[in-house]
Amino acid sequence: MPLTRRDVLDTARRLVADYGLGDLTMRRLAFELGVKPGAIYWHVPSKQALLAELADELLDSVPEPSPRKRWDRQLLQLGTDLRAALRSHTDAAELVAAGRATSLASSQLGKSVMAIVQRSGAGERQASAARDALLHFVIGFTFDEQSHESLVRHGASPARLGDSDRTFDDALAVVVRGIVASARPSAS
């Protein structure tokens, strides 16, 4: 049976889930698929392109918040749902950081944040800053969580005290309040 792009993506996703992002190599991916490494490059031009595609699929899984909610509540929901999506996959925050950190603006999720903020009356510059602040905060927070959890699993660090969910919620609220404040038209 011929190798397909879907086979490559699904196997790469499984390798990350089973062994972590650090163990995803093109050579190992080829071995798992039973092909020579060069066969992978017919379907993805590079490992970076593979990571970007996996990151896109993950980001695309984040649901759009209800448009019936106030725009600030939509941002809170989007941030919470992004974290949940990232936490549901091994090394997902690192994967998104590696695969999409420089191009979050072009992701559907990035466009959604921009649209939500612009519906508040904010201009493109404020909406762009809001997108970057929100997405980079959530990805960074979750990356820290997942990295620390890995260290704890391997006995390299003690478990953290406190409620990570509450800490996230509180910090996300601070970020969104900052976005709300910056989206207001300034009084001249």
N, C-alpha and C. Protein backbone atom coordinates (compact mmCIF):
# COMPACT_ATOMS: atom_id res chain seq x y z
N MET A 1 0.85 -1.18 0.00
CA MET A 1 0.00 0.00 0.00
C MET A 1 0.90 1.24 0.00
N PRO A 2 0.61 2.22 -0.85
CA PRO A 2 1.47 3.40 -0.92
C PRO A 2 1.33 4.27 0.34
N LEU A 3 2.43 4.92 0.67
CA LEU A 3 2.48 5.83 1.80
C LEU A 3 1.72 7.11 1.45
N THR A 4 0.92 7.60 2.39
CA THR A 4 0.18 8.84 2.16
C THR A 4 0.63 9.91 3.17
N ARG A 5 0.31 11.14 2.86
CA ARG A 5 0.60 12.26 3.76
C ARG A 5 -0.10 12.03 5.11
N ARG A 6 -1.32 11.52 5.08
CA ARG A 6 -2.06 11.24 6.31
C ARG A 6 -1.32 10.20 7.15
N ASP A 7 -0.74 9.16 6.51
CA ASP A 7 0.04 8.16 7.24
C ASP A 7 1.21 8.82 7.97
N VAL A 8 1.88 9.72 7.28
CA VAL A 8 3.04 10.41 7.86
C VAL A 8 2.61 11.23 9.07
N LEU A 9 1.54 12.01 8.93
CA LEU A 9 1.07 12.87 10.02
C LEU A 9 0.57 12.04 11.21
N ASP A 10 -0.21 11.01 10.93
CA ASP A 10 -0.75 10.20 12.02
C ASP A 10 0.35 9.47 12.78
N THR A 11 1.33 8.96 12.06
CA THR A 11 2.44 8.26 12.71
C THR A 11 3.30 9.23 13.51
N ALA A 12 3.55 10.41 12.96
CA ALA A 12 4.32 11.42 13.69
C ALA A 12 3.58 11.81 14.97
N ARG A 13 2.28 12.00 14.89
CA ARG A 13 1.48 12.35 16.07
C ARG A 13 1.56 11.25 17.12
N ARG A 14 1.50 10.00 16.67
CA ARG A 14 1.57 8.87 17.60
C ARG A 14 2.95 8.79 18.26
N LEU A 15 4.01 9.04 17.50
CA LEU A 15 5.35 9.02 18.08
C LEU A 15 5.50 10.09 19.16
N VAL A 16 4.99 11.27 18.89
CA VAL A 16 5.05 12.34 19.90
C VAL A 16 4.24 11.94 21.13
N ALA A 17 3.07 11.37 20.92
CA ALA A 17 2.23 10.96 22.05
C ALA A 17 2.90 9.86 22.88
N ASP A 18 3.55 8.93 22.21
CA ASP A 18 4.15 7.79 22.91
C ASP A 18 5.50 8.09 23.54
N TYR A 19 6.30 8.93 22.86
CA TYR A 19 7.69 9.10 23.29
C TYR A 19 8.10 10.55 23.56
N GLY A 20 7.29 11.50 23.13
CA GLY A 20 7.63 12.91 23.31
C GLY A 20 8.23 13.51 22.05
N LEU A 21 8.17 14.82 21.98
CA LEU A 21 8.64 15.54 20.79
C LEU A 21 10.12 15.33 20.54
N GLY A 22 10.91 15.20 21.60
CA GLY A 22 12.36 15.02 21.45
C GLY A 22 12.73 13.75 20.71
N ASP A 23 11.85 12.76 20.70
CA ASP A 23 12.14 11.50 20.02
C ASP A 23 11.57 11.43 18.61
N LEU A 24 10.98 12.50 18.14
CA LEU A 24 10.46 12.51 16.77
C LEU A 24 11.58 12.95 15.83
N THR A 25 12.10 12.00 15.09
CA THR A 25 13.08 12.29 14.05
C THR A 25 12.55 11.75 12.73
N MET A 26 13.04 12.30 11.64
CA MET A 26 12.58 11.82 10.34
C MET A 26 13.03 10.36 10.13
N ARG A 27 14.18 10.01 10.65
CA ARG A 27 14.67 8.63 10.52
C ARG A 27 13.77 7.67 11.30
N ARG A 28 13.41 8.05 12.51
CA ARG A 28 12.53 7.18 13.30
C ARG A 28 11.14 7.09 12.68
N LEU A 29 10.65 8.21 12.17
CA LEU A 29 9.36 8.22 11.50
C LEU A 29 9.37 7.27 10.31
N ALA A 30 10.44 7.32 9.53
CA ALA A 30 10.56 6.42 8.37
C ALA A 30 10.59 4.97 8.83
N PHE A 31 11.35 4.69 9.88
CA PHE A 31 11.42 3.33 10.42
C PHE A 31 10.03 2.84 10.82
N GLU A 32 9.29 3.68 11.55
CA GLU A 32 7.94 3.30 11.99
C GLU A 32 7.00 3.03 10.81
N LEU A 33 7.22 3.76 9.73
CA LEU A 33 6.36 3.59 8.55
C LEU A 33 6.87 2.48 7.63
N GLY A 34 8.05 1.95 7.92
CA GLY A 34 8.62 0.88 7.10
C GLY A 34 9.11 1.35 5.74
N VAL A 35 9.62 2.58 5.69
CA VAL A 35 10.13 3.13 4.44
C VAL A 35 11.52 3.73 4.68
N LYS A 36 12.19 4.08 3.62
CA LYS A 36 13.46 4.79 3.73
C LYS A 36 13.18 6.26 4.07
N PRO A 37 14.08 6.93 4.78
CA PRO A 37 13.82 8.32 5.18
C PRO A 37 13.46 9.24 4.01
N GLY A 38 14.04 9.02 2.85
CA GLY A 38 13.74 9.86 1.69
C GLY A 38 12.28 9.82 1.28
N ALA A 39 11.58 8.72 1.58
CA ALA A 39 10.17 8.60 1.20
C ALA A 39 9.30 9.60 1.95
N ILE A 40 9.73 9.97 3.15
CA ILE A 40 8.96 10.93 3.95
C ILE A 40 8.91 12.28 3.24
N TYR A 41 10.03 12.63 2.60
CA TYR A 41 10.15 13.96 1.99
C TYR A 41 9.28 14.14 0.73
N TRP A 42 8.67 13.08 0.26
CA TRP A 42 7.68 13.22 -0.81
C TRP A 42 6.40 13.84 -0.26
N HIS A 43 6.20 13.70 1.04
CA HIS A 43 4.95 14.13 1.67
C HIS A 43 5.09 15.40 2.51
N VAL A 44 6.25 15.60 3.10
CA VAL A 44 6.55 16.83 3.84
C VAL A 44 7.98 17.23 3.50
N PRO A 45 8.20 18.51 3.19
CA PRO A 45 9.53 18.93 2.72
C PRO A 45 10.61 18.95 3.80
N SER A 46 10.22 19.00 5.08
CA SER A 46 11.21 19.08 6.14
C SER A 46 10.56 18.73 7.47
N LYS A 47 11.39 18.53 8.47
CA LYS A 47 10.84 18.28 9.80
C LYS A 47 10.09 19.51 10.30
N GLN A 48 10.60 20.70 10.00
CA GLN A 48 9.92 21.93 10.42
C GLN A 48 8.52 22.02 9.81
N ALA A 49 8.40 21.64 8.54
CA ALA A 49 7.08 21.64 7.88
C ALA A 49 6.16 20.61 8.53
N LEU A 50 6.71 19.46 8.91
CA LEU A 50 5.93 18.44 9.59
C LEU A 50 5.42 18.96 10.93
N LEU A 51 6.32 19.60 11.70
CA LEU A 51 5.92 20.17 13.00
C LEU A 51 4.85 21.24 12.81
N ALA A 52 5.01 22.07 11.80
CA ALA A 52 4.02 23.13 11.53
C ALA A 52 2.66 22.54 11.21
N GLU A 53 2.65 21.48 10.43
CA GLU A 53 1.37 20.86 10.07
C GLU A 53 0.71 20.20 11.29
N LEU A 54 1.50 19.55 12.12
CA LEU A 54 0.95 18.96 13.35
C LEU A 54 0.42 20.05 14.27
N ALA A 55 1.16 21.16 14.37
CA ALA A 55 0.72 22.29 15.19
C ALA A 55 -0.57 22.88 14.66
N ASP A 56 -0.67 23.04 13.34
CA ASP A 56 -1.89 23.57 12.74
C ASP A 56 -3.10 22.70 13.07
N GLU A 57 -2.93 21.40 12.96
CA GLU A 57 -4.05 20.50 13.26
C GLU A 57 -4.49 20.65 14.71
N LEU A 58 -3.52 20.79 15.59
CA LEU A 58 -3.85 20.95 17.00
C LEU A 58 -4.55 22.28 17.24
N LEU A 59 -4.03 23.37 16.68
CA LEU A 59 -4.65 24.67 16.85
C LEU A 59 -6.05 24.71 16.23
N ASP A 60 -6.23 24.02 15.11
CA ASP A 60 -7.54 23.99 14.46
C ASP A 60 -8.58 23.22 15.28
N SER A 61 -8.11 22.42 16.25
CA SER A 61 -9.06 21.65 17.07
C SER A 61 -9.70 22.50 18.18
N VAL A 62 -9.18 23.71 18.39
CA VAL A 62 -9.73 24.59 19.42
C VAL A 62 -11.04 25.18 18.91
N PRO A 63 -12.13 24.96 19.63
CA PRO A 63 -13.43 25.44 19.12
C PRO A 63 -13.54 26.97 19.19
N GLU A 64 -14.31 27.51 18.28
CA GLU A 64 -14.63 28.94 18.30
C GLU A 64 -15.53 29.21 19.50
N PRO A 65 -15.27 30.27 20.25
CA PRO A 65 -16.17 30.60 21.36
C PRO A 65 -17.52 31.10 20.84
N SER A 66 -18.52 30.96 21.65
CA SER A 66 -19.86 31.39 21.26
C SER A 66 -19.88 32.90 21.00
N PRO A 67 -20.39 33.32 19.85
CA PRO A 67 -20.47 34.75 19.56
C PRO A 67 -21.53 35.46 20.42
N ARG A 68 -22.32 34.69 21.15
CA ARG A 68 -23.33 35.29 22.04
C ARG A 68 -22.72 35.83 23.33
N LYS A 69 -21.48 35.39 23.60
CA LYS A 69 -20.80 35.89 24.80
C LYS A 69 -20.19 37.26 24.51
N ARG A 70 -19.98 38.04 25.57
CA ARG A 70 -19.23 39.29 25.41
C ARG A 70 -17.85 38.96 24.88
N TRP A 71 -17.25 39.92 24.18
CA TRP A 71 -15.98 39.64 23.52
C TRP A 71 -14.87 39.27 24.51
N ASP A 72 -14.85 39.87 25.69
CA ASP A 72 -13.82 39.52 26.67
C ASP A 72 -14.03 38.10 27.18
N ARG A 73 -15.28 37.68 27.32
CA ARG A 73 -15.59 36.30 27.73
C ARG A 73 -15.21 35.31 26.63
N GLN A 74 -15.34 35.74 25.39
CA GLN A 74 -14.90 34.89 24.28
C GLN A 74 -13.40 34.64 24.36
N LEU A 75 -12.63 35.68 24.69
CA LEU A 75 -11.18 35.53 24.81
C LEU A 75 -10.82 34.60 25.96
N LEU A 76 -11.52 34.74 27.09
CA LEU A 76 -11.28 33.84 28.22
C LEU A 76 -11.57 32.40 27.82
N GLN A 77 -12.69 32.19 27.11
CA GLN A 77 -13.05 30.84 26.68
C GLN A 77 -12.03 30.29 25.70
N LEU A 78 -11.61 31.11 24.77
CA LEU A 78 -10.63 30.67 23.77
C LEU A 78 -9.31 30.29 24.45
N GLY A 79 -8.86 31.10 25.41
CA GLY A 79 -7.63 30.78 26.13
C GLY A 79 -7.74 29.49 26.92
N THR A 80 -8.88 29.30 27.57
CA THR A 80 -9.11 28.08 28.35
C THR A 80 -9.17 26.85 27.43
N ASP A 81 -9.85 26.99 26.31
CA ASP A 81 -9.97 25.86 25.37
C ASP A 81 -8.63 25.55 24.71
N LEU A 82 -7.82 26.56 24.43
CA LEU A 82 -6.49 26.32 23.86
C LEU A 82 -5.64 25.54 24.85
N ARG A 83 -5.65 25.97 26.10
CA ARG A 83 -4.87 25.24 27.11
C ARG A 83 -5.34 23.79 27.21
N ALA A 84 -6.65 23.57 27.21
CA ALA A 84 -7.18 22.20 27.30
C ALA A 84 -6.72 21.36 26.11
N ALA A 85 -6.73 21.94 24.92
CA ALA A 85 -6.27 21.21 23.73
C ALA A 85 -4.79 20.87 23.85
N LEU A 86 -3.99 21.82 24.31
CA LEU A 86 -2.56 21.58 24.46
C LEU A 86 -2.29 20.54 25.54
N ARG A 87 -3.03 20.59 26.63
CA ARG A 87 -2.80 19.66 27.73
C ARG A 87 -3.25 18.24 27.39
N SER A 88 -4.07 18.10 26.38
CA SER A 88 -4.57 16.76 26.04
C SER A 88 -3.60 15.96 25.17
N HIS A 89 -2.46 16.56 24.82
CA HIS A 89 -1.47 15.87 23.98
C HIS A 89 -0.07 16.05 24.57
N THR A 90 0.69 14.99 24.56
CA THR A 90 2.07 15.04 25.04
C THR A 90 2.86 16.10 24.28
N ASP A 91 3.55 16.95 25.02
CA ASP A 91 4.45 17.97 24.45
C ASP A 91 3.79 18.89 23.44
N ALA A 92 2.46 19.05 23.53
CA ALA A 92 1.75 19.85 22.53
C ALA A 92 2.15 21.32 22.55
N ALA A 93 2.37 21.88 23.73
CA ALA A 93 2.77 23.29 23.78
C ALA A 93 4.14 23.48 23.15
N GLU A 94 5.05 22.55 23.40
CA GLU A 94 6.37 22.61 22.77
C GLU A 94 6.24 22.43 21.26
N LEU A 95 5.37 21.54 20.84
CA LEU A 95 5.14 21.32 19.41
C LEU A 95 4.64 22.60 18.74
N VAL A 96 3.68 23.26 19.34
CA VAL A 96 3.15 24.50 18.77
C VAL A 96 4.22 25.58 18.79
N ALA A 97 4.97 25.65 19.88
CA ALA A 97 6.04 26.65 19.95
C ALA A 97 7.09 26.40 18.87
N ALA A 98 7.43 25.15 18.65
CA ALA A 98 8.43 24.81 17.64
C ALA A 98 7.89 24.94 16.22
N GLY A 99 6.63 24.59 16.05
CA GLY A 99 6.08 24.55 14.70
C GLY A 99 5.40 25.81 14.23
N ARG A 100 4.92 26.65 15.17
CA ARG A 100 4.10 27.78 14.76
C ARG A 100 4.37 29.09 15.49
N ALA A 101 5.34 29.13 16.36
CA ALA A 101 5.54 30.33 17.17
C ALA A 101 5.69 31.59 16.33
N THR A 102 6.36 31.49 15.21
CA THR A 102 6.58 32.69 14.39
C THR A 102 5.44 32.96 13.43
N SER A 103 4.47 32.06 13.35
CA SER A 103 3.39 32.28 12.38
C SER A 103 2.01 32.06 12.98
N LEU A 104 1.87 32.33 14.27
CA LEU A 104 0.55 32.21 14.89
C LEU A 104 -0.45 33.16 14.25
N ALA A 105 0.04 34.28 13.73
CA ALA A 105 -0.85 35.26 13.10
C ALA A 105 -1.61 34.65 11.93
N SER A 106 -0.97 33.73 11.22
CA SER A 106 -1.62 33.15 10.04
C SER A 106 -2.49 31.96 10.38
N SER A 107 -2.48 31.50 11.63
CA SER A 107 -3.33 30.37 12.01
C SER A 107 -4.78 30.83 12.12
N GLN A 108 -5.69 29.91 11.97
CA GLN A 108 -7.11 30.25 12.13
C GLN A 108 -7.38 30.76 13.53
N LEU A 109 -6.70 30.19 14.51
CA LEU A 109 -6.87 30.63 15.89
C LEU A 109 -6.43 32.08 16.05
N GLY A 110 -5.29 32.42 15.47
CA GLY A 110 -4.82 33.80 15.52
C GLY A 110 -5.79 34.76 14.86
N LYS A 111 -6.34 34.35 13.74
CA LYS A 111 -7.33 35.18 13.04
C LYS A 111 -8.60 35.34 13.88
N SER A 112 -8.98 34.29 14.59
CA SER A 112 -10.17 34.36 15.45
C SER A 112 -9.99 35.38 16.57
N VAL A 113 -8.82 35.35 17.20
CA VAL A 113 -8.55 36.32 18.27
C VAL A 113 -8.62 37.74 17.71
N MET A 114 -8.00 37.95 16.56
CA MET A 114 -8.02 39.27 15.93
C MET A 114 -9.46 39.73 15.68
N ALA A 115 -10.28 38.85 15.13
CA ALA A 115 -11.66 39.20 14.81
C ALA A 115 -12.45 39.54 16.08
N ILE A 116 -12.26 38.76 17.13
CA ILE A 116 -12.97 39.01 18.38
C ILE A 116 -12.60 40.39 18.91
N VAL A 117 -11.32 40.69 18.94
CA VAL A 117 -10.87 41.97 19.51
C VAL A 117 -11.32 43.13 18.62
N GLN A 118 -11.28 42.95 17.32
CA GLN A 118 -11.70 44.04 16.42
C GLN A 118 -13.20 44.29 16.52
N ARG A 119 -13.99 43.27 16.84
CA ARG A 119 -15.42 43.49 17.04
C ARG A 119 -15.68 44.38 18.25
N SER A 120 -14.70 44.50 19.13
CA SER A 120 -14.86 45.37 20.30
C SER A 120 -14.67 46.83 19.91
N GLY A 121 -14.22 47.08 18.69
CA GLY A 121 -13.95 48.43 18.24
C GLY A 121 -12.46 48.76 18.20
N ALA A 122 -11.63 47.83 18.60
CA ALA A 122 -10.18 48.05 18.58
C ALA A 122 -9.66 48.03 17.15
N GLY A 123 -8.59 48.72 16.94
CA GLY A 123 -7.95 48.73 15.64
C GLY A 123 -7.09 47.50 15.42
N GLU A 124 -6.54 47.41 14.22
CA GLU A 124 -5.74 46.24 13.85
C GLU A 124 -4.49 46.10 14.73
N ARG A 125 -3.85 47.21 15.04
CA ARG A 125 -2.63 47.16 15.86
C ARG A 125 -2.92 46.59 17.26
N GLN A 126 -4.01 47.07 17.89
CA GLN A 126 -4.38 46.57 19.21
C GLN A 126 -4.79 45.10 19.14
N ALA A 127 -5.52 44.74 18.09
CA ALA A 127 -5.96 43.36 17.93
C ALA A 127 -4.77 42.42 17.72
N SER A 128 -3.79 42.89 16.96
CA SER A 128 -2.58 42.09 16.73
C SER A 128 -1.82 41.89 18.03
N ALA A 129 -1.68 42.95 18.81
CA ALA A 129 -0.99 42.84 20.11
C ALA A 129 -1.77 41.91 21.05
N ALA A 130 -3.08 42.00 21.02
CA ALA A 130 -3.92 41.14 21.87
C ALA A 130 -3.75 39.68 21.47
N ARG A 131 -3.74 39.42 20.19
CA ARG A 131 -3.54 38.05 19.70
C ARG A 131 -2.22 37.50 20.22
N ASP A 132 -1.16 38.28 20.04
CA ASP A 132 0.16 37.81 20.47
C ASP A 132 0.21 37.60 21.98
N ALA A 133 -0.32 38.53 22.74
CA ALA A 133 -0.29 38.42 24.20
C ALA A 133 -1.06 37.18 24.67
N LEU A 134 -2.25 36.99 24.15
CA LEU A 134 -3.09 35.88 24.58
C LEU A 134 -2.49 34.53 24.19
N LEU A 135 -2.16 34.38 22.92
CA LEU A 135 -1.68 33.08 22.45
C LEU A 135 -0.31 32.72 23.03
N HIS A 136 0.59 33.69 23.09
CA HIS A 136 1.91 33.39 23.64
C HIS A 136 1.83 33.13 25.15
N PHE A 137 0.94 33.81 25.85
CA PHE A 137 0.76 33.51 27.27
C PHE A 137 0.28 32.08 27.45
N VAL A 138 -0.78 31.69 26.75
CA VAL A 138 -1.35 30.35 26.96
C VAL A 138 -0.34 29.28 26.56
N ILE A 139 0.31 29.44 25.43
CA ILE A 139 1.29 28.44 24.99
C ILE A 139 2.46 28.38 25.96
N GLY A 140 2.96 29.53 26.39
CA GLY A 140 4.08 29.56 27.33
C GLY A 140 3.73 28.96 28.68
N PHE A 141 2.57 29.30 29.21
CA PHE A 141 2.13 28.76 30.49
C PHE A 141 2.03 27.24 30.41
N THR A 142 1.41 26.75 29.33
CA THR A 142 1.21 25.32 29.19
C THR A 142 2.53 24.60 28.93
N PHE A 143 3.43 25.23 28.17
CA PHE A 143 4.76 24.67 27.94
C PHE A 143 5.47 24.48 29.28
N ASP A 144 5.40 25.49 30.14
CA ASP A 144 6.01 25.40 31.46
C ASP A 144 5.40 24.26 32.26
N GLU A 145 4.07 24.15 32.23
CA GLU A 145 3.39 23.06 32.95
C GLU A 145 3.85 21.70 32.45
N GLN A 146 3.83 21.52 31.14
CA GLN A 146 4.17 20.22 30.57
C GLN A 146 5.64 19.88 30.80
N SER A 147 6.51 20.87 30.72
CA SER A 147 7.93 20.63 30.98
C SER A 147 8.15 20.21 32.42
N HIS A 148 7.50 20.93 33.34
CA HIS A 148 7.65 20.59 34.76
C HIS A 148 7.08 19.20 35.05
N GLU A 149 5.95 18.87 34.48
CA GLU A 149 5.36 17.54 34.70
C GLU A 149 6.29 16.44 34.21
N SER A 150 6.98 16.68 33.11
CA SER A 150 7.94 15.71 32.60
C SER A 150 9.11 15.54 33.57
N LEU A 151 9.59 16.64 34.12
CA LEU A 151 10.67 16.57 35.11
C LEU A 151 10.23 15.80 36.35
N VAL A 152 9.01 16.02 36.80
CA VAL A 152 8.48 15.30 37.96
C VAL A 152 8.39 13.81 37.66
N ARG A 153 7.88 13.44 36.49
CA ARG A 153 7.76 12.03 36.10
C ARG A 153 9.11 11.33 36.10
N HIS A 154 10.16 12.07 35.74
CA HIS A 154 11.49 11.47 35.66
C HIS A 154 12.30 11.66 36.95
N GLY A 155 11.64 12.15 38.01
CA GLY A 155 12.29 12.30 39.29
C GLY A 155 13.31 13.44 39.36
N ALA A 156 13.26 14.36 38.41
CA ALA A 156 14.24 15.44 38.36
C ALA A 156 13.78 16.70 39.08
N SER A 157 12.54 16.72 39.53
CA SER A 157 12.01 17.90 40.21
C SER A 157 10.85 17.48 41.11
N PRO A 158 10.71 18.17 42.23
CA PRO A 158 9.54 17.87 43.07
C PRO A 158 8.27 18.46 42.44
N ALA A 159 7.15 17.88 42.81
CA ALA A 159 5.88 18.40 42.32
C ALA A 159 5.65 19.80 42.88
N ARG A 160 4.98 20.62 42.10
CA ARG A 160 4.66 21.97 42.55
C ARG A 160 3.50 21.94 43.51
N LEU A 161 3.53 22.87 44.42
CA LEU A 161 2.40 23.03 45.33
C LEU A 161 1.45 24.04 44.72
N GLY A 162 0.20 23.95 45.05
CA GLY A 162 -0.76 24.92 44.55
C GLY A 162 -1.62 24.35 43.43
N ASP A 163 -2.55 25.15 43.03
CA ASP A 163 -3.54 24.76 42.04
C ASP A 163 -3.18 25.41 40.70
N SER A 164 -2.65 24.62 39.79
CA SER A 164 -2.23 25.14 38.49
C SER A 164 -3.41 25.69 37.69
N ASP A 165 -4.57 25.05 37.80
CA ASP A 165 -5.75 25.54 37.07
C ASP A 165 -6.16 26.93 37.56
N ARG A 166 -6.14 27.09 38.86
CA ARG A 166 -6.51 28.40 39.41
C ARG A 166 -5.48 29.47 39.03
N THR A 167 -4.21 29.10 39.10
CA THR A 167 -3.16 30.03 38.71
C THR A 167 -3.33 30.44 37.25
N PHE A 168 -3.63 29.47 36.40
CA PHE A 168 -3.84 29.79 34.98
C PHE A 168 -5.04 30.72 34.82
N ASP A 169 -6.15 30.37 35.45
CA ASP A 169 -7.36 31.19 35.32
C ASP A 169 -7.11 32.63 35.77
N ASP A 170 -6.42 32.77 36.90
CA ASP A 170 -6.13 34.11 37.42
C ASP A 170 -5.23 34.89 36.46
N ALA A 171 -4.19 34.24 35.97
CA ALA A 171 -3.26 34.91 35.06
C ALA A 171 -3.93 35.23 33.72
N LEU A 172 -4.76 34.33 33.22
CA LEU A 172 -5.48 34.58 31.97
C LEU A 172 -6.41 35.78 32.14
N ALA A 173 -7.05 35.89 33.29
CA ALA A 173 -7.93 37.03 33.55
C ALA A 173 -7.14 38.34 33.53
N VAL A 174 -5.93 38.32 34.06
CA VAL A 174 -5.08 39.51 34.02
C VAL A 174 -4.74 39.89 32.58
N VAL A 175 -4.40 38.89 31.78
CA VAL A 175 -4.07 39.15 30.37
C VAL A 175 -5.28 39.74 29.65
N VAL A 176 -6.44 39.14 29.84
CA VAL A 176 -7.64 39.61 29.15
C VAL A 176 -8.03 41.01 29.64
N ARG A 177 -7.89 41.28 30.93
CA ARG A 177 -8.16 42.64 31.42
C ARG A 177 -7.22 43.65 30.76
N GLY A 178 -5.99 43.27 30.56
CA GLY A 178 -5.04 44.15 29.85
C GLY A 178 -5.46 44.37 28.41
N ILE A 179 -5.95 43.33 27.76
CA ILE A 179 -6.43 43.46 26.39
C ILE A 179 -7.64 44.39 26.34
N VAL A 180 -8.56 44.21 27.29
CA VAL A 180 -9.75 45.07 27.34
C VAL A 180 -9.33 46.53 27.52
N ALA A 181 -8.41 46.77 28.44
CA ALA A 181 -7.96 48.15 28.70
C ALA A 181 -7.27 48.76 27.48
N SER A 182 -6.50 47.96 26.77
CA SER A 182 -5.79 48.50 25.61
C SER A 182 -6.68 48.65 24.39
N ALA A 183 -7.82 47.95 24.38
CA ALA A 183 -8.73 48.02 23.23
C ALA A 183 -9.65 49.24 23.30
N ARG A 184 -9.75 49.84 24.48
CA ARG A 184 -10.61 51.01 24.64
C ARG A 184 -10.01 52.20 23.89
N PRO A 185 -10.84 52.97 23.24
CA PRO A 185 -10.30 54.18 22.59
C PRO A 185 -9.71 55.10 23.65
N SER A 186 -8.54 55.63 23.38
CA SER A 186 -7.90 56.51 24.36
C SER A 186 -8.53 57.89 24.31
N ALA A 187 -8.65 58.47 25.49
CA ALA A 187 -9.19 59.83 25.58
C ALA A 187 -8.06 60.82 25.30
N SER A 188 -8.24 61.66 24.32
CA SER A 188 -7.19 62.62 23.98
C SER A 188 -7.50 63.98 24.53
